[in-house]
C-alpha atoms as a PDB file:
ATOM      1  CA  MET A   1      18.336  73.510  63.591  1.00  0.00           C
ATOM      2  CA  SER A   2      18.338  72.231  60.029  1.00  0.00           C
ATOM      3  CA  ASP A   3      20.037  69.129  58.701  1.00  0.00           C
ATOM      4  CA  LEU A   4      23.528  69.744  57.393  1.00  0.00           C
ATOM      5  CA  THR A   5      25.363  67.468  54.994  1.00  0.00           C
ATOM      6  CA  ILE A   6      29.095  67.003  55.322  1.00  0.00           C
ATOM      7  CA  LYS A   7      29.552  68.784  51.996  1.00  0.00           C
ATOM      8  CA  GLN A   8      27.492  71.738  53.256  1.00  0.00           C
ATOM      9  CA  ALA A   9      29.521  71.786  56.483  1.00  0.00           C
ATOM     10  CA  GLN A  10      32.736  71.977  54.464  1.00  0.00           C
ATOM     11  CA  GLN A  11      31.297  74.878  52.450  1.00  0.00           C
ATOM     12  CA  GLN A  12      30.028  76.661  55.562  1.00  0.00           C
ATOM     13  CA  VAL A  13      33.365  76.385  57.367  1.00  0.00           C
ATOM     14  CA  ASP A  14      35.184  77.605  54.250  1.00  0.00           C
ATOM     15  CA  GLN A  15      32.846  80.604  53.970  1.00  0.00           C
ATOM     16  CA  TRP A  16      33.339  81.423  57.679  1.00  0.00           C
ATOM     17  CA  ILE A  17      37.120  81.206  57.370  1.00  0.00           C
ATOM     18  CA  LYS A  18      37.130  83.503  54.332  1.00  0.00           C
ATOM     19  CA  THR A  19      34.779  86.123  55.806  1.00  0.00           C
ATOM     20  CA  ILE A  20      35.359  86.069  59.567  1.00  0.00           C
ATOM     21  CA  GLY A  21      38.483  84.023  60.185  1.00  0.00           C
ATOM     22  CA  VAL A  22      40.615  85.999  57.671  1.00  0.00           C
ATOM     23  CA  ARG A  23      42.453  82.882  56.410  1.00  0.00           C
ATOM     24  CA  TYR A  24      43.145  79.263  57.237  1.00  0.00           C
ATOM     25  CA  PHE A  25      45.920  78.519  59.692  1.00  0.00           C
ATOM     26  CA  SER A  26      48.648  76.404  58.125  1.00  0.00           C
ATOM     27  CA  GLU A  27      47.973  72.697  57.784  1.00  0.00           C
ATOM     28  CA  LEU A  28      50.602  71.917  60.400  1.00  0.00           C
ATOM     29  CA  THR A  29      49.092  74.414  62.845  1.00  0.00           C
ATOM     30  CA  ASN A  30      45.645  72.916  62.267  1.00  0.00           C
ATOM     31  CA  MET A  31      47.042  69.430  62.849  1.00  0.00           C
ATOM     32  CA  ALA A  32      48.445  70.602  66.193  1.00  0.00           C
ATOM     33  CA  ILE A  33      45.105  72.245  67.058  1.00  0.00           C
ATOM     34  CA  LEU A  34      43.281  69.017  66.151  1.00  0.00           C
ATOM     35  CA  THR A  35      45.549  67.085  68.502  1.00  0.00           C
ATOM     36  CA  GLU A  36      44.902  69.627  71.254  1.00  0.00           C
ATOM     37  CA  GLU A  37      41.128  69.392  70.780  1.00  0.00           C
ATOM     38  CA  VAL A  38      41.228  65.575  70.882  1.00  0.00           C
ATOM     39  CA  GLY A  39      43.180  65.879  74.137  1.00  0.00           C
ATOM     40  CA  GLU A  40      40.515  68.170  75.597  1.00  0.00           C
ATOM     41  CA  LEU A  41      37.818  65.638  74.697  1.00  0.00           C
ATOM     42  CA  ALA A  42      39.921  62.830  76.171  1.00  0.00           C
ATOM     43  CA  ARG A  43      40.253  64.748  79.457  1.00  0.00           C
ATOM     44  CA  ILE A  44      36.487  65.211  79.721  1.00  0.00           C
ATOM     45  CA  MET A  45      35.768  61.584  78.784  1.00  0.00           C
ATOM     46  CA  ALA A  46      38.334  60.240  81.279  1.00  0.00           C
ATOM     47  CA  ARG A  47      36.785  62.248  84.083  1.00  0.00           C
ATOM     48  CA  ARG A  48      33.120  61.873  83.182  1.00  0.00           C
ATOM     49  CA  TYR A  49      33.104  58.221  82.042  1.00  0.00           C
ATOM     50  CA  GLY A  50      36.430  56.858  83.254  1.00  0.00           C
ATOM     51  CA  ASP A  51      38.151  56.474  86.575  1.00  0.00           C
ATOM     52  CA  GLN A  52      39.460  60.021  86.974  1.00  0.00           C
ATOM     53  CA  SER A  53      37.553  62.794  88.707  1.00  0.00           C
ATOM     54  CA  PHE A  54      37.451  66.497  87.983  1.00  0.00           C
ATOM     55  CA  LYS A  55      39.775  68.644  90.066  1.00  0.00           C
ATOM     56  CA  ALA A  56      38.226  71.237  92.373  1.00  0.00           C
ATOM     57  CA  GLY A  57      37.290  74.259  90.281  1.00  0.00           C
ATOM     58  CA  GLU A  58      38.147  72.524  87.012  1.00  0.00           C
ATOM     59  CA  ASN A  59      35.924  73.339  84.041  1.00  0.00           C
ATOM     60  CA  THR A  60      33.938  70.169  83.403  1.00  0.00           C
ATOM     61  CA  GLY A  61      33.469  71.059  79.743  1.00  0.00           C
ATOM     62  CA  SER A  62      31.047  69.642  77.242  1.00  0.00           C
ATOM     63  CA  PRO A  63      31.821  66.546  75.166  1.00  0.00           C
ATOM     64  CA  SER A  64      29.535  67.854  72.416  1.00  0.00           C
ATOM     65  CA  ASP A  65      31.394  71.173  72.240  1.00  0.00           C
ATOM     66  CA  GLU A  66      34.780  69.431  72.110  1.00  0.00           C
ATOM     67  CA  MET A  67      33.519  67.036  69.415  1.00  0.00           C
ATOM     68  CA  ALA A  68      32.311  70.036  67.412  1.00  0.00           C
ATOM     69  CA  ASP A  69      35.745  71.673  67.815  1.00  0.00           C
ATOM     70  CA  ILE A  70      37.362  68.475  66.511  1.00  0.00           C
ATOM     71  CA  LEU A  71      34.977  68.331  63.558  1.00  0.00           C
ATOM     72  CA  TRP A  72      35.620  72.008  62.773  1.00  0.00           C
ATOM     73  CA  VAL A  73      39.393  71.569  62.605  1.00  0.00           C
ATOM     74  CA  LEU A  74      39.078  68.291  60.683  1.00  0.00           C
ATOM     75  CA  ILE A  75      36.888  70.100  58.145  1.00  0.00           C
ATOM     76  CA  CYS A  76      39.496  72.856  57.899  1.00  0.00           C
ATOM     77  CA  LEU A  77      42.192  70.280  57.167  1.00  0.00           C
ATOM     78  CA  ALA A  78      39.978  68.587  54.581  1.00  0.00           C
ATOM     79  CA  ASN A  79      39.272  71.901  52.871  1.00  0.00           C
ATOM     80  CA  GLN A  80      42.951  72.812  52.850  1.00  0.00           C
ATOM     81  CA  THR A  81      44.050  69.501  51.365  1.00  0.00           C
ATOM     82  CA  GLY A  82      41.227  69.059  48.852  1.00  0.00           C
ATOM     83  CA  VAL A  83      39.521  66.150  50.620  1.00  0.00           C
ATOM     84  CA  ASP A  84      35.786  65.672  50.061  1.00  0.00           C
ATOM     85  CA  LEU A  85      34.916  64.285  53.498  1.00  0.00           C
ATOM     86  CA  GLU A  86      31.511  63.010  52.385  1.00  0.00           C
ATOM     87  CA  GLU A  87      33.077  60.968  49.583  1.00  0.00           C
ATOM     88  CA  ALA A  88      35.946  59.840  51.807  1.00  0.00           C
ATOM     89  CA  LEU A  89      33.547  58.655  54.524  1.00  0.00           C
ATOM     90  CA  LEU A  90      31.420  56.687  52.059  1.00  0.00           C
ATOM     91  CA  LYS A  91      34.543  55.002  50.643  1.00  0.00           C
ATOM     92  CA  ASN A  92      35.732  54.242  54.176  1.00  0.00           C
ATOM     93  CA  ILE A  93      32.389  52.659  55.091  1.00  0.00           C
ATOM     94  CA  GLU A  94      32.619  50.480  51.944  1.00  0.00           C
ATOM     95  CA  LYS A  95      36.176  49.457  52.865  1.00  0.00           C
ATOM     96  CA  LYS A  96      35.238  48.553  56.425  1.00  0.00           C
ATOM     97  CA  THR A  97      32.115  46.688  55.290  1.00  0.00           C
ATOM     98  CA  SER A  98      33.985  44.475  52.852  1.00  0.00           C
ATOM     99  CA  ARG A  99      37.026  43.996  55.085  1.00  0.00           C
ATOM    100  CA  ASP A 100      35.186  43.442  58.345  1.00  0.00           C
ATOM    101  CA  ALA A 101      31.983  41.753  57.135  1.00  0.00           C
ATOM    102  CA  GLN A 102      32.617  38.720  59.330  1.00  0.00           C
ATOM    103  CA  ARG A 103      35.520  39.855  61.505  1.00  0.00           C
ATOM    104  CA  HIS A 104      33.543  41.394  64.370  1.00  0.00           C
ATOM    105  CA  LYS A 105      30.885  38.691  64.356  1.00  0.00           C
ATOM    106  CA  ASP A 106      33.652  36.096  64.792  1.00  0.00           C
ATOM    107  CA  ASN A 107      35.425  38.020  67.564  1.00  0.00           C
ATOM    108  CA  PRO A 108      34.825  36.170  70.852  1.00  0.00           C
ATOM    109  CA  LYS A 109      35.713  39.340  72.774  1.00  0.00           C
ATOM    110  CA  LEU A 110      32.578  40.994  71.413  1.00  0.00           C
ATOM    111  CA  LYS A 111      30.161  38.244  72.370  1.00  0.00           C
END
């Protein structure tokens, strides 16, 4: 599999939506779908890494597949609202770096 930039992922999802998916769901529908996908990941994580266990016959699912579903819908929302996720992520990293440069190092809970 080749490397894929965030910008390329946004373009690829947009192309898929326009050729195979017919059209984007509404932003509100995609927000609800995103919430649902996060819930599916949370269920798997709680059972695989937390204190819950899977029910008999329950689909154990794949964290990687659920994370990909989340990323897909997040990319859809970004495309619909004109957000360049690559640029937004870089700005967010800058913000966190300047804001939290010492914060975590000084947190006794993390030592």
